Amino acid sequence: MTKPTRPGSQHKALYGTARWKAIRALHLRANPICVYCGRAASVADHVEPHRGDLTKFFEGALQSMCKPCHDSAKKAEEARGGPIGCGVDGIPLKGWK
């Protein structure tokens, strides 16, 4: 009997590859500041969720984030389907649902 996997867990191994580690290191070296809060970044976040797509995973746009912002604000945005909040003009950000 095979052990069932959680949805999306098959691509978790990609984060352990030498290729990803090199991409991540280069990105964080060039972009060391969290795009959300301005603190030191430790996560190279995929701007668009890759959902296991190898091209998006290895070649997609990245943004630097600190772990707290990645694990809270970014997750909340993805759950809502877009950015949270309003722009300086008071209009909800694109994708707000």
C-alpha atoms as a PDB file:
ATOM      1  CA  MET A   1       0.000   0.000   0.000  1.00  0.00           C
ATOM      2  CA  THR A   2       1.370   3.421  -0.909  1.00  0.00           C
ATOM      3  CA  LYS A   3       1.264   6.271   1.511  1.00  0.00           C
ATOM      4  CA  PRO A   4      -1.186   8.989   0.385  1.00  0.00           C
ATOM      5  CA  THR A   5       0.352  12.371  -0.274  1.00  0.00           C
ATOM      6  CA  ARG A   6      -1.126  15.723   0.582  1.00  0.00           C
ATOM      7  CA  PRO A   7      -2.201  17.852  -2.371  1.00  0.00           C
ATOM      8  CA  GLY A   8       0.771  19.795  -3.709  1.00  0.00           C
ATOM      9  CA  SER A   9       3.319  17.879  -1.647  1.00  0.00           C
ATOM     10  CA  GLN A  10       4.948  16.205  -4.670  1.00  0.00           C
ATOM     11  CA  HIS A  11       6.805  19.403  -5.595  1.00  0.00           C
ATOM     12  CA  LYS A  12       8.235  19.991  -2.098  1.00  0.00           C
ATOM     13  CA  ALA A  13      11.354  18.025  -3.090  1.00  0.00           C
ATOM     14  CA  LEU A  14      12.176  20.709  -5.681  1.00  0.00           C
ATOM     15  CA  TYR A  15      13.181  23.053  -2.852  1.00  0.00           C
ATOM     16  CA  GLY A  16      16.011  20.676  -1.934  1.00  0.00           C
ATOM     17  CA  THR A  17      17.602  20.600  -5.382  1.00  0.00           C
ATOM     18  CA  ALA A  18      20.975  22.186  -6.054  1.00  0.00           C
ATOM     19  CA  ARG A  19      19.408  24.172  -8.893  1.00  0.00           C
ATOM     20  CA  TRP A  20      16.792  25.781  -6.628  1.00  0.00           C
ATOM     21  CA  LYS A  21      19.312  26.464  -3.866  1.00  0.00           C
ATOM     22  CA  ALA A  22      21.547  28.301  -6.353  1.00  0.00           C
ATOM     23  CA  ILE A  23      18.620  30.334  -7.767  1.00  0.00           C
ATOM     24  CA  ARG A  24      17.448  31.214  -4.251  1.00  0.00           C
ATOM     25  CA  ALA A  25      20.920  32.245  -3.082  1.00  0.00           C
ATOM     26  CA  LEU A  26      21.513  34.451  -6.136  1.00  0.00           C
ATOM     27  CA  HIS A  27      18.109  36.092  -5.772  1.00  0.00           C
ATOM     28  CA  LEU A  28      18.505  36.832  -2.057  1.00  0.00           C
ATOM     29  CA  ARG A  29      22.048  38.137  -2.563  1.00  0.00           C
ATOM     30  CA  ALA A  30      20.779  40.582  -5.195  1.00  0.00           C
ATOM     31  CA  ASN A  31      17.546  41.400  -3.304  1.00  0.00           C
ATOM     32  CA  PRO A  32      18.197  41.109   0.449  1.00  0.00           C
ATOM     33  CA  ILE A  33      15.202  43.154   1.681  1.00  0.00           C
ATOM     34  CA  CYS A  34      11.612  41.946   2.267  1.00  0.00           C
ATOM     35  CA  VAL A  35       9.285  43.573  -0.272  1.00  0.00           C
ATOM     36  CA  TYR A  36       6.513  43.729   2.349  1.00  0.00           C
ATOM     37  CA  CYS A  37       8.158  45.164   5.459  1.00  0.00           C
ATOM     38  CA  GLY A  38      11.731  46.170   4.617  1.00  0.00           C
ATOM     39  CA  ARG A  39      13.423  43.736   7.008  1.00  0.00           C
ATOM     40  CA  ALA A  40      16.140  41.278   5.983  1.00  0.00           C
ATOM     41  CA  ALA A  41      14.731  38.653   3.627  1.00  0.00           C
ATOM     42  CA  SER A  42      15.278  34.920   3.970  1.00  0.00           C
ATOM     43  CA  VAL A  43      12.675  33.587   1.504  1.00  0.00           C
ATOM     44  CA  ALA A  44      12.777  33.713  -2.293  1.00  0.00           C
ATOM     45  CA  ASP A  45       9.035  33.657  -2.921  1.00  0.00           C
ATOM     46  CA  HIS A  46       7.407  32.775  -6.233  1.00  0.00           C
ATOM     47  CA  VAL A  47       5.346  35.832  -7.232  1.00  0.00           C
ATOM     48  CA  GLU A  48       2.930  33.569  -9.097  1.00  0.00           C
ATOM     49  CA  PRO A  49       2.232  30.225  -7.407  1.00  0.00           C
ATOM     50  CA  HIS A  50       3.961  27.504  -9.444  1.00  0.00           C
ATOM     51  CA  ARG A  51       1.745  24.602  -8.313  1.00  0.00           C
ATOM     52  CA  GLY A  52       4.462  22.147  -9.352  1.00  0.00           C
ATOM     53  CA  ASP A  53       4.996  23.581 -12.854  1.00  0.00           C
ATOM     54  CA  LEU A  54       8.757  23.153 -13.384  1.00  0.00           C
ATOM     55  CA  THR A  55       9.084  26.138 -15.722  1.00  0.00           C
ATOM     56  CA  LYS A  56       7.331  28.455 -13.250  1.00  0.00           C
ATOM     57  CA  PHE A  57       9.288  26.954 -10.354  1.00  0.00           C
ATOM     58  CA  PHE A  58      12.759  27.439 -11.823  1.00  0.00           C
ATOM     59  CA  GLU A  59      12.188  30.395 -14.172  1.00  0.00           C
ATOM     60  CA  GLY A  60       9.264  32.309 -12.671  1.00  0.00           C
ATOM     61  CA  ALA A  61       9.539  35.729 -11.085  1.00  0.00           C
ATOM     62  CA  LEU A  62      10.684  35.807  -7.474  1.00  0.00           C
ATOM     63  CA  GLN A  63      10.346  38.352  -4.693  1.00  0.00           C
ATOM     64  CA  SER A  64      12.323  38.537  -1.473  1.00  0.00           C
ATOM     65  CA  MET A  65      10.430  38.188   1.782  1.00  0.00           C
ATOM     66  CA  CYS A  66      11.152  37.686   5.457  1.00  0.00           C
ATOM     67  CA  LYS A  67       9.729  34.443   6.844  1.00  0.00           C
ATOM     68  CA  PRO A  68       7.017  36.121   8.975  1.00  0.00           C
ATOM     69  CA  CYS A  69       5.631  38.076   5.986  1.00  0.00           C
ATOM     70  CA  HIS A  70       5.811  35.035   3.723  1.00  0.00           C
ATOM     71  CA  ASP A  71       4.039  32.817   6.224  1.00  0.00           C
ATOM     72  CA  SER A  72       1.300  35.305   7.122  1.00  0.00           C
ATOM     73  CA  ALA A  73       0.569  38.155   4.694  1.00  0.00           C
ATOM     74  CA  LYS A  74       1.476  36.242   1.517  1.00  0.00           C
ATOM     75  CA  LYS A  75      -0.532  33.174   2.548  1.00  0.00           C
ATOM     76  CA  ALA A  76      -3.545  35.382   3.333  1.00  0.00           C
ATOM     77  CA  GLU A  77      -3.287  37.053  -0.085  1.00  0.00           C
ATOM     78  CA  GLU A  78      -3.154  33.703  -1.860  1.00  0.00           C
ATOM     79  CA  ALA A  79      -6.170  32.475   0.101  1.00  0.00           C
ATOM     80  CA  ARG A  80      -8.121  35.618  -0.888  1.00  0.00           C
ATOM     81  CA  GLY A  81      -6.992  35.504  -4.495  1.00  0.00           C
ATOM     82  CA  GLY A  82      -5.126  38.807  -4.520  1.00  0.00           C
ATOM     83  CA  PRO A  83      -3.413  41.550  -2.547  1.00  0.00           C
ATOM     84  CA  ILE A  84      -4.874  42.669   0.735  1.00  0.00           C
ATOM     85  CA  GLY A  85      -5.742  46.307   1.367  1.00  0.00           C
ATOM     86  CA  CYS A  86      -5.961  49.548  -0.552  1.00  0.00           C
ATOM     87  CA  GLY A  87      -3.605  51.751  -2.474  1.00  0.00           C
ATOM     88  CA  VAL A  88      -2.707  55.294  -1.406  1.00  0.00           C
ATOM     89  CA  ASP A  89      -5.803  56.460  -3.290  1.00  0.00           C
ATOM     90  CA  GLY A  90      -8.062  54.328  -1.087  1.00  0.00           C
ATOM     91  CA  ILE A  91      -9.068  52.037  -3.941  1.00  0.00           C
ATOM     92  CA  PRO A  92      -8.827  48.294  -3.188  1.00  0.00           C
ATOM     93  CA  LEU A  93      -5.773  46.689  -4.730  1.00  0.00           C
ATOM     94  CA  LYS A  94      -6.210  44.661  -7.909  1.00  0.00           C
ATOM     95  CA  GLY A  95      -7.334  41.141  -7.167  1.00  0.00           C
ATOM     96  CA  TRP A  96      -9.134  42.052  -3.924  1.00  0.00           C
ATOM     97  CA  LYS A  97     -12.114  39.775  -3.419  1.00  0.00           C
END
